[in-house]
Protein backbone atom coordinates (compact mmCIF):
# COMPACT_ATOMS: atom_id res chain seq x y z
CA UNK A 1 -201.89 -45.10 91.92
CA UNK A 2 -198.30 -45.50 90.80
CA UNK A 3 -196.52 -42.58 89.12
CA UNK A 4 -195.72 -42.97 85.44
CA UNK A 5 -192.15 -44.01 84.66
CA UNK A 6 -190.39 -42.19 81.82
CA UNK A 7 -190.24 -44.85 79.08
CA UNK A 8 -187.06 -43.32 77.67
CA UNK A 9 -185.26 -43.90 80.96
CA UNK A 10 -186.81 -47.30 81.55
CA UNK A 11 -184.33 -48.92 79.14
CA UNK A 12 -181.50 -50.59 81.04
CA UNK A 13 -178.71 -49.08 78.93
CA UNK A 14 -180.17 -45.56 78.79
CA UNK A 15 -180.75 -45.66 82.55
CA UNK A 16 -177.14 -46.77 83.07
CA UNK A 17 -175.84 -43.92 80.90
CA UNK A 18 -177.97 -41.38 82.76
CA UNK A 19 -176.88 -42.80 86.13
CA UNK A 20 -173.23 -42.44 85.16
CA UNK A 21 -173.66 -38.92 83.77
CA UNK A 22 -175.67 -37.72 86.79
CA UNK A 23 -172.58 -38.05 88.98
CA UNK A 24 -169.96 -36.40 86.75
CA UNK A 25 -169.43 -33.21 84.75
CA UNK A 26 -168.92 -35.25 81.59
CA UNK A 27 -167.96 -38.71 80.42
CA UNK A 28 -166.46 -39.84 77.17
CA UNK A 29 -167.84 -42.57 74.95
CA UNK A 30 -165.05 -45.00 75.83
CA UNK A 31 -165.74 -44.65 79.55
CA UNK A 32 -169.49 -45.14 79.07
CA UNK A 33 -168.88 -48.18 76.88
CA UNK A 34 -166.54 -49.74 79.43
CA UNK A 35 -168.82 -49.06 82.40
CA UNK A 36 -171.99 -50.32 80.72
CA UNK A 37 -170.49 -53.24 78.79
CA UNK A 38 -172.45 -52.11 75.73
CA UNK A 39 -171.34 -52.50 72.15
CA UNK A 40 -170.29 -49.34 70.32
CA UNK A 41 -173.29 -49.53 68.00
CA UNK A 42 -175.88 -50.05 70.73
CA UNK A 43 -174.39 -47.33 72.95
CA UNK A 44 -174.33 -44.92 70.01
CA UNK A 45 -178.01 -45.54 69.27
CA UNK A 46 -179.01 -45.03 72.91
CA UNK A 47 -176.92 -41.84 73.18
CA UNK A 48 -178.69 -40.55 70.05
CA UNK A 49 -182.08 -41.21 71.67
CA UNK A 50 -181.08 -39.40 74.88
CA UNK A 51 -179.70 -36.50 72.83
CA UNK A 52 -182.89 -36.24 70.74
CA UNK A 53 -184.90 -36.07 73.97
CA UNK A 54 -182.71 -33.22 75.22
CA UNK A 55 -181.49 -35.28 78.19
CA UNK A 56 -177.81 -35.17 77.23
CA UNK A 57 -175.49 -33.20 74.97
CA UNK A 58 -172.72 -34.70 72.89
CA UNK A 59 -169.55 -32.89 71.93
CA UNK A 60 -167.20 -34.43 69.39
CA UNK A 61 -163.60 -33.34 69.23
CA UNK A 62 -160.05 -34.53 69.62
CA UNK A 63 -157.81 -35.26 72.57
CA UNK A 64 -154.43 -34.88 70.97
CA UNK A 65 -154.78 -36.81 67.73
CA UNK A 66 -157.44 -39.19 69.05
CA UNK A 67 -161.14 -38.55 68.39
CA UNK A 68 -163.17 -38.01 71.54
CA UNK A 69 -166.92 -37.96 72.12
CA UNK A 70 -167.93 -36.35 75.41
CA UNK A 71 -171.43 -36.60 76.88
CA UNK A 72 -173.03 -34.36 79.50
CA UNK A 73 -176.38 -34.50 81.22
CA UNK A 74 -178.55 -31.43 80.63
CA UNK A 75 -180.73 -29.72 83.24
CA UNK A 76 -183.77 -31.35 81.57
CA UNK A 77 -182.00 -34.71 81.77
CA UNK A 78 -181.12 -34.16 85.41
CA UNK A 79 -184.76 -33.32 86.15
CA UNK A 80 -186.05 -36.36 84.23
CA UNK A 81 -183.56 -38.65 85.96
CA UNK A 82 -184.46 -37.29 89.40
CA UNK A 83 -188.16 -37.72 88.63
CA UNK A 84 -187.55 -41.30 87.54
CA UNK A 85 -185.64 -42.09 90.75
CA UNK A 86 -188.39 -40.51 92.87
CA UNK A 87 -191.05 -42.52 91.02
CA UNK A 88 -189.13 -45.74 91.66
CA UNK A 89 -188.83 -44.83 95.34
CA UNK A 90 -192.58 -44.35 95.47
CA UNK A 91 -193.08 -47.80 93.91
CA UNK A 92 -190.85 -49.31 96.59
CA UNK A 93 -192.50 -47.40 99.43
CA UNK A 94 -195.98 -48.42 98.26
CA UNK A 95 -194.84 -52.02 97.92
CA UNK A 96 -193.53 -52.08 101.52
CA UNK A 97 -196.72 -50.47 102.86
CA UNK A 98 -198.91 -53.12 101.22
CA UNK A 99 -197.14 -56.09 102.84
């Protein structure tokens, strides 16, 4: 039986955001937008969903006179992301074994 995939992380954009944040201490909104190719509105909505789930934190502030929104993955987010990756690996392993 296949492991259950976290539906929150199964979204392409949310998975991309989590993948980017898993490898850095923090990333700002502009960086995430550029890397994912998402619109500001869509990215904002997906960040809100990840924040509500406790997977990331968002800190708003300024860098000089420019507004800055910084995102960080939380320990719960790191655990959820790792579990998602492991579940996908199990799907792939099972698929290879059944050929």
